[in-house]
Amino acid sequence: MSQNSVGTTSELKARLNSETAKIGWHDLQKHYAAGNVMAVSGNVDLIQVAVAFHQDDRGQVESWLANSTLFEVDDQQALDWHINNTEHWAVVIPPFVLVQEVKPKGV
């Protein structure tokens, strides 16, 4: 978790949003193998989580970890995503890559 000289939270959100992209799991595997991938459940905004990481909001991050809103990807989940080359939204907050499954259209 790091802090840069980003003015306001809204500027930070805009910057992180512009740095977020869709990526298939196959392209994320090397980051998973290095232990750097954290997954975000679909019930919270990925950018909100990225902001908390960037601002080193330990209490919020720990809360999300405790209720599984934020979680480490286990081997079975990684295998399922590999088999399907599941597409994710991803944003990098060094050293982590935060990922969230892309919701199918209409969901």
Protein backbone atom coordinates (compact mmCIF):
# COMPACT_ATOMS: atom_id res chain seq x y z
CA MET A 1 0.00 0.00 0.00
CA SER A 2 1.41 3.33 -0.96
CA GLN A 3 0.67 7.02 -1.02
CA ASN A 4 1.50 9.39 -3.85
CA SER A 5 0.95 13.10 -4.19
CA VAL A 6 -2.60 12.78 -5.42
CA GLY A 7 -4.72 15.79 -4.49
CA THR A 8 -8.24 14.71 -3.68
CA THR A 9 -9.95 11.38 -3.30
CA SER A 10 -11.99 12.13 -6.41
CA GLU A 11 -8.77 12.74 -8.39
CA LEU A 12 -7.36 9.49 -7.04
CA LYS A 13 -10.54 7.61 -8.01
CA ALA A 14 -10.40 9.09 -11.51
CA ARG A 15 -6.75 8.12 -11.91
CA LEU A 16 -7.29 4.57 -10.63
CA ASN A 17 -10.35 4.20 -12.84
CA SER A 18 -8.27 5.18 -15.87
CA GLU A 19 -5.65 2.59 -14.87
CA THR A 20 -8.22 -0.22 -14.57
CA ALA A 21 -8.56 -2.67 -17.45
CA LYS A 22 -10.14 -5.97 -18.39
CA ILE A 23 -7.71 -8.85 -18.48
CA GLY A 24 -8.02 -12.62 -18.85
CA TRP A 25 -6.87 -14.89 -16.05
CA HIS A 26 -4.12 -16.41 -18.23
CA ASP A 27 -2.40 -13.00 -18.23
CA LEU A 28 -2.75 -12.74 -14.44
CA GLN A 29 -1.26 -16.14 -13.60
CA LYS A 30 2.31 -14.89 -13.12
CA HIS A 31 1.06 -12.36 -10.57
CA TYR A 32 -0.97 -15.09 -8.83
CA ALA A 33 2.11 -17.34 -8.74
CA ALA A 34 4.04 -14.52 -7.07
CA GLY A 35 1.31 -14.20 -4.41
CA ASN A 36 0.31 -10.70 -5.47
CA VAL A 37 -3.31 -11.16 -6.56
CA MET A 38 -6.13 -10.19 -4.24
CA ALA A 39 -9.73 -10.70 -5.36
CA VAL A 40 -12.60 -8.35 -4.68
CA SER A 41 -16.14 -9.71 -4.45
CA GLY A 42 -18.82 -8.33 -6.73
CA ASN A 43 -20.66 -6.54 -3.93
CA VAL A 44 -18.11 -3.72 -3.57
CA ASP A 45 -16.59 -1.28 -6.03
CA LEU A 46 -13.10 -2.29 -7.14
CA ILE A 47 -11.99 1.34 -7.20
CA GLN A 48 -13.17 1.83 -3.61
CA VAL A 49 -10.94 -1.06 -2.55
CA ALA A 50 -8.03 0.31 -4.59
CA VAL A 51 -8.42 3.70 -2.90
CA ALA A 52 -8.33 2.06 0.54
CA PHE A 53 -5.13 0.21 -0.41
CA HIS A 54 -3.57 3.38 -1.82
CA GLN A 55 -4.46 5.38 1.29
CA ASP A 56 -3.23 2.57 3.55
CA ASP A 57 -6.65 2.30 5.23
CA ARG A 58 -5.71 -0.76 7.26
CA GLY A 59 -8.97 -0.86 9.24
CA GLN A 60 -11.13 -0.95 6.11
CA VAL A 61 -8.91 -3.52 4.38
CA GLU A 62 -8.94 -5.75 7.47
CA SER A 63 -12.73 -5.45 7.63
CA TRP A 64 -13.07 -6.52 3.99
CA LEU A 65 -10.70 -9.44 4.61
CA ALA A 66 -12.71 -10.49 7.66
CA ASN A 67 -16.02 -10.59 5.76
CA SER A 68 -14.49 -12.04 2.55
CA THR A 69 -15.26 -8.95 0.48
CA LEU A 70 -11.51 -9.00 -0.20
CA PHE A 71 -9.81 -12.37 -0.33
CA GLU A 72 -6.72 -14.27 -1.39
CA VAL A 73 -7.34 -16.42 -4.44
CA ASP A 74 -7.05 -20.09 -3.53
CA ASP A 75 -5.74 -22.79 -5.86
CA GLN A 76 -9.20 -24.13 -6.75
CA GLN A 77 -10.48 -20.67 -7.70
CA ALA A 78 -7.33 -20.04 -9.75
CA LEU A 79 -7.81 -23.38 -11.54
CA ASP A 80 -11.45 -22.59 -12.33
CA TRP A 81 -10.47 -19.17 -13.67
CA HIS A 82 -7.65 -20.78 -15.69
CA ILE A 83 -9.94 -23.38 -17.28
CA ASN A 84 -12.39 -20.67 -18.33
CA ASN A 85 -9.78 -17.90 -18.85
CA THR A 86 -12.18 -15.79 -16.81
CA GLU A 87 -12.07 -12.10 -17.59
CA HIS A 88 -11.42 -9.69 -14.71
CA TRP A 89 -11.24 -6.03 -14.06
CA ALA A 90 -7.77 -5.38 -12.66
CA VAL A 91 -5.92 -2.47 -11.10
CA VAL A 92 -2.39 -2.45 -9.73
CA ILE A 93 -1.65 -1.04 -6.29
CA PRO A 94 1.96 -2.20 -5.84
CA PRO A 95 2.77 -4.86 -4.93
CA PHE A 96 -0.81 -6.09 -5.37
CA VAL A 97 -3.01 -6.67 -8.36
CA LEU A 98 -6.63 -6.27 -7.30
CA VAL A 99 -9.05 -8.24 -9.47
CA GLN A 100 -12.80 -8.53 -9.77
CA GLU A 101 -14.62 -10.90 -12.09
CA VAL A 102 -16.33 -9.19 -15.00
CA LYS A 103 -20.06 -9.61 -14.54
CA PRO A 104 -21.84 -11.23 -17.49
CA LYS A 105 -24.11 -8.91 -19.47
CA GLY A 106 -27.55 -8.57 -17.91
CA VAL A 107 -26.42 -9.40 -14.37
